[in-house]
Amino acid sequence: MSDREFTIVRVFDAPRELVFRAWLDPDQLTEWAGPHGFTTPRDSILVEPRVGGRYDSVMVADSDGATYPSAGVFREIVEPERLVFTWGDPTGDGTVANESVATVTFADTTEGKTTMTFHLLAPGPLSPEDGAREGWGQSLERLGTLLSATHQR
């Protein structure tokens, strides 16, 4: 098996503390977690923000109600700089050897903005059709919208 990976970089018009918290706050996750056309109900989100803590959520397709559970474990939390967690990759079989690992870093930029870098390393063959890059990209667009609305208040 080969590894696949991708990186997405976004600049958000919000301080990094706010961007970092949006990854761990269920009330914010319900607003942005999932690509366009999906909802992640607040009551499906569990976050234990500590090393070894779990997160669980269920995305629901707006079109037909199909559900897509996701879960993982936090491996590293360095507030407000870095998160590392396993991710429920749909191409994996749930074993440790098939866990995807996401690393998210948050860097201050000028004018109070934050550069966030999302890196996903997933075992298994690379398949553009699995939609992981596109789905994460759309989720991060939604995060940007949420942060803009929150930070402008």
N, C-alpha and C. Protein backbone atom coordinates (compact mmCIF):
# COMPACT_ATOMS: atom_id res chain seq x y z
N MET A 1 0.83 -1.18 0.00
CA MET A 1 0.00 0.00 0.00
C MET A 1 0.88 1.25 0.00
N SER A 2 0.41 2.26 -0.68
CA SER A 2 1.14 3.52 -0.70
C SER A 2 0.38 4.55 0.13
N ASP A 3 1.08 5.56 0.53
CA ASP A 3 0.46 6.63 1.28
C ASP A 3 -0.03 7.71 0.33
N ARG A 4 -1.03 8.41 0.73
CA ARG A 4 -1.47 9.58 -0.02
C ARG A 4 -1.54 10.73 0.98
N GLU A 5 -1.28 11.89 0.48
CA GLU A 5 -1.35 13.04 1.35
C GLU A 5 -1.65 14.30 0.54
N PHE A 6 -2.17 15.28 1.24
CA PHE A 6 -2.38 16.58 0.63
C PHE A 6 -2.34 17.64 1.73
N THR A 7 -2.12 18.86 1.29
CA THR A 7 -2.04 20.01 2.19
C THR A 7 -2.94 21.11 1.64
N ILE A 8 -3.67 21.75 2.53
CA ILE A 8 -4.51 22.90 2.19
C ILE A 8 -4.09 24.04 3.10
N VAL A 9 -3.80 25.20 2.52
CA VAL A 9 -3.42 26.38 3.30
C VAL A 9 -4.50 27.43 3.11
N ARG A 10 -4.96 28.01 4.21
CA ARG A 10 -5.96 29.07 4.17
C ARG A 10 -5.50 30.21 5.09
N VAL A 11 -5.81 31.43 4.69
CA VAL A 11 -5.59 32.59 5.55
C VAL A 11 -6.95 33.09 5.99
N PHE A 12 -7.15 33.17 7.30
CA PHE A 12 -8.42 33.61 7.86
C PHE A 12 -8.25 34.98 8.49
N ASP A 13 -9.26 35.82 8.35
CA ASP A 13 -9.25 37.16 8.92
C ASP A 13 -9.76 37.08 10.36
N ALA A 14 -8.97 36.41 11.20
CA ALA A 14 -9.31 36.23 12.61
C ALA A 14 -8.03 35.84 13.35
N PRO A 15 -7.94 36.19 14.63
CA PRO A 15 -6.78 35.80 15.42
C PRO A 15 -6.68 34.28 15.54
N ARG A 16 -5.47 33.76 15.65
CA ARG A 16 -5.31 32.30 15.65
C ARG A 16 -5.99 31.62 16.81
N GLU A 17 -6.14 32.31 17.95
CA GLU A 17 -6.85 31.70 19.07
C GLU A 17 -8.29 31.36 18.68
N LEU A 18 -8.92 32.25 17.92
CA LEU A 18 -10.30 31.99 17.47
C LEU A 18 -10.35 30.85 16.45
N VAL A 19 -9.39 30.83 15.56
CA VAL A 19 -9.35 29.76 14.54
C VAL A 19 -9.11 28.42 15.22
N PHE A 20 -8.17 28.38 16.14
CA PHE A 20 -7.86 27.16 16.89
C PHE A 20 -9.11 26.65 17.62
N ARG A 21 -9.80 27.53 18.35
CA ARG A 21 -10.97 27.13 19.15
C ARG A 21 -12.09 26.57 18.27
N ALA A 22 -12.19 27.06 17.04
CA ALA A 22 -13.26 26.59 16.14
C ALA A 22 -13.13 25.10 15.84
N TRP A 23 -11.92 24.55 16.00
CA TRP A 23 -11.69 23.13 15.77
C TRP A 23 -12.11 22.26 16.95
N LEU A 24 -12.28 22.86 18.12
CA LEU A 24 -12.55 22.08 19.33
C LEU A 24 -13.91 22.36 19.96
N ASP A 25 -14.61 23.37 19.49
CA ASP A 25 -15.88 23.79 20.06
C ASP A 25 -17.04 23.18 19.26
N PRO A 26 -17.79 22.25 19.86
CA PRO A 26 -18.90 21.61 19.13
C PRO A 26 -19.91 22.60 18.57
N ASP A 27 -20.15 23.71 19.27
CA ASP A 27 -21.12 24.69 18.78
C ASP A 27 -20.63 25.34 17.49
N GLN A 28 -19.32 25.46 17.31
CA GLN A 28 -18.78 25.99 16.07
C GLN A 28 -18.64 24.89 15.02
N LEU A 29 -18.23 23.71 15.44
CA LEU A 29 -18.08 22.59 14.49
C LEU A 29 -19.38 22.31 13.75
N THR A 30 -20.50 22.41 14.44
CA THR A 30 -21.78 22.15 13.78
C THR A 30 -22.04 23.12 12.63
N GLU A 31 -21.40 24.30 12.69
CA GLU A 31 -21.57 25.32 11.65
C GLU A 31 -20.69 25.10 10.42
N TRP A 32 -19.56 24.37 10.59
CA TRP A 32 -18.63 24.27 9.46
C TRP A 32 -18.13 22.88 9.12
N ALA A 33 -18.28 21.92 9.98
CA ALA A 33 -17.72 20.59 9.73
C ALA A 33 -18.55 19.86 8.68
N GLY A 34 -17.97 19.64 7.54
CA GLY A 34 -18.64 18.95 6.45
C GLY A 34 -18.66 19.81 5.20
N PRO A 35 -18.62 19.16 4.05
CA PRO A 35 -18.65 19.90 2.79
C PRO A 35 -20.03 20.48 2.50
N HIS A 36 -20.11 21.26 1.44
CA HIS A 36 -21.39 21.82 1.01
C HIS A 36 -22.39 20.68 0.80
N GLY A 37 -23.63 20.92 1.19
CA GLY A 37 -24.66 19.90 1.01
C GLY A 37 -24.74 18.90 2.16
N PHE A 38 -23.99 19.17 3.23
CA PHE A 38 -24.01 18.28 4.40
C PHE A 38 -24.22 19.11 5.66
N THR A 39 -24.85 18.50 6.64
CA THR A 39 -25.05 19.10 7.94
C THR A 39 -24.44 18.17 8.97
N THR A 40 -23.84 18.75 10.00
CA THR A 40 -23.33 17.95 11.12
C THR A 40 -24.09 18.41 12.36
N PRO A 41 -25.14 17.67 12.74
CA PRO A 41 -25.97 18.09 13.86
C PRO A 41 -25.17 18.21 15.16
N ARG A 42 -25.49 19.24 15.91
CA ARG A 42 -24.77 19.50 17.17
C ARG A 42 -24.83 18.29 18.10
N ASP A 43 -25.96 17.60 18.16
CA ASP A 43 -26.08 16.47 19.09
C ASP A 43 -25.28 15.25 18.65
N SER A 44 -24.68 15.30 17.45
CA SER A 44 -23.84 14.18 17.00
C SER A 44 -22.37 14.42 17.27
N ILE A 45 -22.04 15.60 17.81
CA ILE A 45 -20.63 15.98 17.98
C ILE A 45 -20.20 15.80 19.42
N LEU A 46 -19.12 15.04 19.59
CA LEU A 46 -18.46 14.88 20.89
C LEU A 46 -17.01 15.26 20.70
N VAL A 47 -16.48 16.13 21.56
CA VAL A 47 -15.08 16.51 21.49
C VAL A 47 -14.50 16.45 22.90
N GLU A 48 -13.43 15.66 23.06
CA GLU A 48 -12.68 15.59 24.31
C GLU A 48 -11.31 16.20 24.03
N PRO A 49 -11.17 17.53 24.23
CA PRO A 49 -9.96 18.24 23.80
C PRO A 49 -8.75 18.03 24.72
N ARG A 50 -8.22 16.83 24.65
CA ARG A 50 -7.00 16.48 25.39
C ARG A 50 -6.29 15.38 24.62
N VAL A 51 -5.01 15.25 24.82
CA VAL A 51 -4.27 14.17 24.17
C VAL A 51 -4.86 12.85 24.62
N GLY A 52 -5.20 12.01 23.66
CA GLY A 52 -5.87 10.74 23.94
C GLY A 52 -7.39 10.86 23.96
N GLY A 53 -7.90 12.09 23.91
CA GLY A 53 -9.34 12.31 23.89
C GLY A 53 -9.91 12.02 22.51
N ARG A 54 -11.18 11.66 22.49
CA ARG A 54 -11.85 11.31 21.23
C ARG A 54 -12.65 12.48 20.69
N TYR A 55 -12.96 12.36 19.42
CA TYR A 55 -14.00 13.19 18.83
C TYR A 55 -14.85 12.25 17.99
N ASP A 56 -16.11 12.56 17.92
CA ASP A 56 -17.06 11.81 17.11
C ASP A 56 -18.02 12.82 16.50
N SER A 57 -18.45 12.53 15.28
CA SER A 57 -19.48 13.35 14.65
C SER A 57 -20.14 12.53 13.55
N VAL A 58 -21.29 13.00 13.12
CA VAL A 58 -22.02 12.35 12.04
C VAL A 58 -22.46 13.43 11.06
N MET A 59 -21.95 13.36 9.83
CA MET A 59 -22.41 14.25 8.77
C MET A 59 -23.66 13.63 8.16
N VAL A 60 -24.61 14.50 7.80
CA VAL A 60 -25.86 14.05 7.19
C VAL A 60 -26.00 14.75 5.84
N ALA A 61 -26.19 13.96 4.79
CA ALA A 61 -26.39 14.53 3.45
C ALA A 61 -27.74 15.23 3.42
N ASP A 62 -27.72 16.50 3.02
CA ASP A 62 -28.96 17.26 2.94
C ASP A 62 -29.92 16.68 1.90
N SER A 63 -29.37 16.06 0.86
CA SER A 63 -30.20 15.57 -0.24
C SER A 63 -31.04 14.34 0.11
N ASP A 64 -30.45 13.40 0.84
CA ASP A 64 -31.18 12.15 1.08
C ASP A 64 -31.12 11.64 2.53
N GLY A 65 -30.46 12.39 3.42
CA GLY A 65 -30.40 11.98 4.82
C GLY A 65 -29.39 10.89 5.12
N ALA A 66 -28.59 10.49 4.12
CA ALA A 66 -27.55 9.48 4.38
C ALA A 66 -26.58 10.00 5.43
N THR A 67 -26.12 9.11 6.30
CA THR A 67 -25.24 9.52 7.39
C THR A 67 -23.82 9.01 7.18
N TYR A 68 -22.86 9.82 7.62
CA TYR A 68 -21.44 9.52 7.46
C TYR A 68 -20.74 9.79 8.77
N PRO A 69 -20.58 8.75 9.61
CA PRO A 69 -19.90 8.94 10.89
C PRO A 69 -18.40 9.13 10.70
N SER A 70 -17.83 9.88 11.60
CA SER A 70 -16.39 10.09 11.62
C SER A 70 -15.95 10.12 13.07
N ALA A 71 -14.76 9.61 13.33
CA ALA A 71 -14.25 9.58 14.69
C ALA A 71 -12.73 9.57 14.65
N GLY A 72 -12.14 9.92 15.76
CA GLY A 72 -10.70 9.88 15.85
C GLY A 72 -10.24 10.19 17.26
N VAL A 73 -8.92 10.28 17.40
CA VAL A 73 -8.29 10.53 18.69
C VAL A 73 -7.28 11.65 18.53
N PHE A 74 -7.28 12.57 19.49
CA PHE A 74 -6.29 13.65 19.49
C PHE A 74 -4.94 13.09 19.92
N ARG A 75 -3.94 13.29 19.09
CA ARG A 75 -2.58 12.85 19.41
C ARG A 75 -1.73 13.99 19.99
N GLU A 76 -2.05 15.21 19.59
CA GLU A 76 -1.29 16.37 20.05
C GLU A 76 -2.20 17.59 20.04
N ILE A 77 -2.13 18.37 21.12
CA ILE A 77 -2.86 19.64 21.20
C ILE A 77 -1.91 20.65 21.83
N VAL A 78 -1.50 21.62 21.04
CA VAL A 78 -0.63 22.70 21.53
C VAL A 78 -1.38 24.01 21.21
N GLU A 79 -2.12 24.49 22.20
CA GLU A 79 -2.94 25.68 21.98
C GLU A 79 -2.08 26.93 21.94
N PRO A 80 -2.27 27.83 20.99
CA PRO A 80 -3.14 27.82 19.83
C PRO A 80 -2.37 27.52 18.55
N GLU A 81 -1.38 26.62 18.63
CA GLU A 81 -0.45 26.43 17.52
C GLU A 81 -0.68 25.21 16.66
N ARG A 82 -1.15 24.10 17.26
CA ARG A 82 -1.10 22.84 16.51
C ARG A 82 -2.09 21.83 17.07
N LEU A 83 -2.74 21.10 16.13
CA LEU A 83 -3.58 19.95 16.46
C LEU A 83 -3.13 18.78 15.60
N VAL A 84 -3.04 17.61 16.19
CA VAL A 84 -2.79 16.38 15.43
C VAL A 84 -3.82 15.38 15.90
N PHE A 85 -4.53 14.78 14.93
CA PHE A 85 -5.57 13.82 15.29
C PHE A 85 -5.72 12.78 14.19
N THR A 86 -6.21 11.61 14.59
CA THR A 86 -6.55 10.60 13.60
C THR A 86 -7.91 10.97 13.03
N TRP A 87 -8.17 10.50 11.82
CA TRP A 87 -9.42 10.85 11.15
C TRP A 87 -10.04 9.60 10.55
N GLY A 88 -11.35 9.49 10.68
CA GLY A 88 -12.08 8.35 10.14
C GLY A 88 -12.16 8.38 8.63
N ASP A 89 -11.09 8.00 7.97
CA ASP A 89 -10.99 7.99 6.51
C ASP A 89 -11.87 6.87 5.95
N PRO A 90 -12.76 7.19 5.03
CA PRO A 90 -13.65 6.15 4.50
C PRO A 90 -12.94 5.04 3.73
N THR A 91 -11.67 5.25 3.35
CA THR A 91 -10.95 4.19 2.65
C THR A 91 -10.25 3.24 3.61
N GLY A 92 -10.23 3.57 4.89
CA GLY A 92 -9.55 2.71 5.87
C GLY A 92 -10.47 1.64 6.41
N ASP A 93 -9.88 0.69 7.12
CA ASP A 93 -10.70 -0.39 7.70
C ASP A 93 -10.76 -0.30 9.22
N GLY A 94 -10.31 0.83 9.78
CA GLY A 94 -10.40 1.03 11.21
C GLY A 94 -9.21 0.56 12.00
N THR A 95 -8.24 -0.10 11.37
CA THR A 95 -7.06 -0.55 12.10
C THR A 95 -6.04 0.59 12.18
N VAL A 96 -5.15 0.51 13.16
CA VAL A 96 -4.14 1.55 13.34
C VAL A 96 -3.31 1.73 12.07
N ALA A 97 -3.00 0.65 11.39
CA ALA A 97 -2.19 0.75 10.16
C ALA A 97 -2.92 1.52 9.07
N ASN A 98 -4.24 1.63 9.17
CA ASN A 98 -5.02 2.32 8.16
C ASN A 98 -5.63 3.64 8.64
N GLU A 99 -5.09 4.16 9.75
CA GLU A 99 -5.58 5.45 10.25
C GLU A 99 -5.00 6.59 9.43
N SER A 100 -5.84 7.54 9.11
CA SER A 100 -5.37 8.79 8.53
C SER A 100 -4.99 9.71 9.67
N VAL A 101 -4.00 10.56 9.44
CA VAL A 101 -3.56 11.50 10.46
C VAL A 101 -3.61 12.90 9.88
N ALA A 102 -4.32 13.79 10.57
CA ALA A 102 -4.42 15.19 10.18
C ALA A 102 -3.57 16.03 11.13
N THR A 103 -2.81 16.94 10.55
CA THR A 103 -2.03 17.90 11.32
C THR A 103 -2.47 19.29 10.88
N VAL A 104 -2.87 20.09 11.85
CA VAL A 104 -3.34 21.44 11.56
C VAL A 104 -2.48 22.40 12.36
N THR A 105 -1.85 23.36 11.67
CA THR A 105 -1.03 24.36 12.34
C THR A 105 -1.65 25.73 12.13
N PHE A 106 -1.43 26.60 13.09
CA PHE A 106 -2.02 27.93 13.11
C PHE A 106 -0.90 28.93 13.36
N ALA A 107 -0.69 29.85 12.43
CA ALA A 107 0.39 30.84 12.54
C ALA A 107 -0.18 32.25 12.44
N ASP A 108 0.29 33.12 13.34
CA ASP A 108 -0.09 34.53 13.25
C ASP A 108 0.50 35.13 12.00
N THR A 109 -0.26 36.00 11.36
CA THR A 109 0.26 36.78 10.24
C THR A 109 0.03 38.25 10.59
N THR A 110 0.41 39.12 9.70
CA THR A 110 0.22 40.53 9.95
C THR A 110 -1.27 40.87 9.99
N GLU A 111 -1.57 41.96 10.64
CA GLU A 111 -2.94 42.48 10.69
C GLU A 111 -3.93 41.55 11.39
N GLY A 112 -3.47 40.73 12.31
CA GLY A 112 -4.37 39.89 13.09
C GLY A 112 -4.97 38.71 12.35
N LYS A 113 -4.41 38.36 11.23
CA LYS A 113 -4.91 37.21 10.47
C LYS A 113 -4.17 35.95 10.89
N THR A 114 -4.70 34.81 10.47
CA THR A 114 -4.10 33.51 10.80
C THR A 114 -3.92 32.70 9.53
N THR A 115 -2.71 32.16 9.38
CA THR A 115 -2.48 31.19 8.31
C THR A 115 -2.64 29.81 8.93
N MET A 116 -3.60 29.07 8.42
CA MET A 116 -3.84 27.71 8.89
C MET A 116 -3.41 26.74 7.80
N THR A 117 -2.63 25.76 8.18
CA THR A 117 -2.18 24.72 7.26
C THR A 117 -2.74 23.40 7.72
N PHE A 118 -3.51 22.76 6.84
CA PHE A 118 -4.11 21.46 7.09
C PHE A 118 -3.37 20.44 6.24
N HIS A 119 -2.82 19.41 6.88
CA HIS A 119 -2.10 18.36 6.16
C HIS A 119 -2.72 17.02 6.53
N LEU A 120 -3.08 16.24 5.53
CA LEU A 120 -3.65 14.91 5.77
C LEU A 120 -2.74 13.86 5.16
N LEU A 121 -2.38 12.89 5.96
CA LEU A 121 -1.62 11.73 5.51
C LEU A 121 -2.52 10.52 5.71
N ALA A 122 -2.85 9.87 4.60
CA ALA A 122 -3.78 8.75 4.65
C ALA A 122 -3.16 7.53 4.00
N PRO A 123 -3.20 6.39 4.68
CA PRO A 123 -2.67 5.18 4.06
C PRO A 123 -3.60 4.70 2.95
N GLY A 124 -3.08 3.86 2.14
CA GLY A 124 -3.89 3.28 1.08
C GLY A 124 -3.62 3.94 -0.25
N PRO A 125 -4.17 3.38 -1.29
CA PRO A 125 -3.94 3.93 -2.63
C PRO A 125 -4.60 5.28 -2.79
N LEU A 126 -3.94 6.14 -3.54
CA LEU A 126 -4.48 7.47 -3.81
C LEU A 126 -5.65 7.35 -4.76
N SER A 127 -6.76 7.95 -4.39
CA SER A 127 -7.94 7.92 -5.25
C SER A 127 -8.58 9.30 -5.25
N PRO A 128 -8.44 10.05 -6.34
CA PRO A 128 -9.07 11.37 -6.38
C PRO A 128 -10.58 11.31 -6.21
N GLU A 129 -11.17 10.18 -6.52
CA GLU A 129 -12.62 10.04 -6.44
C GLU A 129 -13.14 9.96 -5.01
N ASP A 130 -12.27 9.74 -4.02
CA ASP A 130 -12.79 9.59 -2.67
C ASP A 130 -13.28 10.92 -2.09
N GLY A 131 -12.88 12.04 -2.69
CA GLY A 131 -13.40 13.34 -2.31
C GLY A 131 -12.83 13.95 -1.05
N ALA A 132 -11.81 13.35 -0.45
CA ALA A 132 -11.28 13.88 0.81
C ALA A 132 -10.75 15.30 0.65
N ARG A 133 -9.94 15.55 -0.38
CA ARG A 133 -9.38 16.90 -0.56
C ARG A 133 -10.51 17.91 -0.79
N GLU A 134 -11.43 17.57 -1.66
CA GLU A 134 -12.53 18.49 -1.96
C GLU A 134 -13.41 18.71 -0.73
N GLY A 135 -13.72 17.64 -0.01
CA GLY A 135 -14.56 17.76 1.18
C GLY A 135 -13.93 18.62 2.25
N TRP A 136 -12.65 18.38 2.51
CA TRP A 136 -11.96 19.21 3.51
C TRP A 136 -11.87 20.65 3.02
N GLY A 137 -11.62 20.84 1.74
CA GLY A 137 -11.54 22.19 1.20
C GLY A 137 -12.85 22.95 1.39
N GLN A 138 -13.96 22.29 1.13
CA GLN A 138 -15.27 22.93 1.30
C GLN A 138 -15.56 23.19 2.78
N SER A 139 -15.16 22.27 3.64
CA SER A 139 -15.35 22.50 5.08
C SER A 139 -14.57 23.74 5.53
N LEU A 140 -13.35 23.87 5.02
CA LEU A 140 -12.53 25.02 5.41
C LEU A 140 -13.09 26.33 4.83
N GLU A 141 -13.73 26.27 3.68
CA GLU A 141 -14.45 27.46 3.17
C GLU A 141 -15.55 27.85 4.15
N ARG A 142 -16.28 26.87 4.62
CA ARG A 142 -17.36 27.13 5.58
C ARG A 142 -16.78 27.69 6.89
N LEU A 143 -15.61 27.18 7.30
CA LEU A 143 -14.94 27.72 8.49
C LEU A 143 -14.61 29.20 8.29
N GLY A 144 -14.11 29.55 7.12
CA GLY A 144 -13.80 30.94 6.82
C GLY A 144 -15.02 31.84 6.92
N THR A 145 -16.14 31.36 6.42
CA THR A 145 -17.38 32.12 6.50
C THR A 145 -17.80 32.33 7.95
N LEU A 146 -17.71 31.27 8.75
CA LEU A 146 -18.06 31.36 10.16
C LEU A 146 -17.15 32.33 10.89
N LEU A 147 -15.84 32.22 10.65
CA LEU A 147 -14.88 33.11 11.33
C LEU A 147 -15.09 34.56 10.94
N SER A 148 -15.38 34.82 9.68
CA SER A 148 -15.63 36.19 9.25
C SER A 148 -16.84 36.77 9.98
N ALA A 149 -17.91 35.98 10.08
CA ALA A 149 -19.10 36.45 10.76
C ALA A 149 -18.85 36.65 12.25
N THR A 150 -18.11 35.73 12.87
CA THR A 150 -17.83 35.80 14.30
C THR A 150 -16.89 36.94 14.62
N HIS A 151 -15.84 37.08 13.82
CA HIS A 151 -14.80 38.08 14.10
C HIS A 151 -15.30 39.50 13.82
N GLN A 152 -16.27 39.66 12.96
CA GLN A 152 -16.78 40.99 12.62
C GLN A 152 -17.74 41.54 13.67
N ARG A 153 -18.22 40.68 14.56
CA ARG A 153 -19.19 41.11 15.58
C ARG A 153 -18.57 42.06 16.57
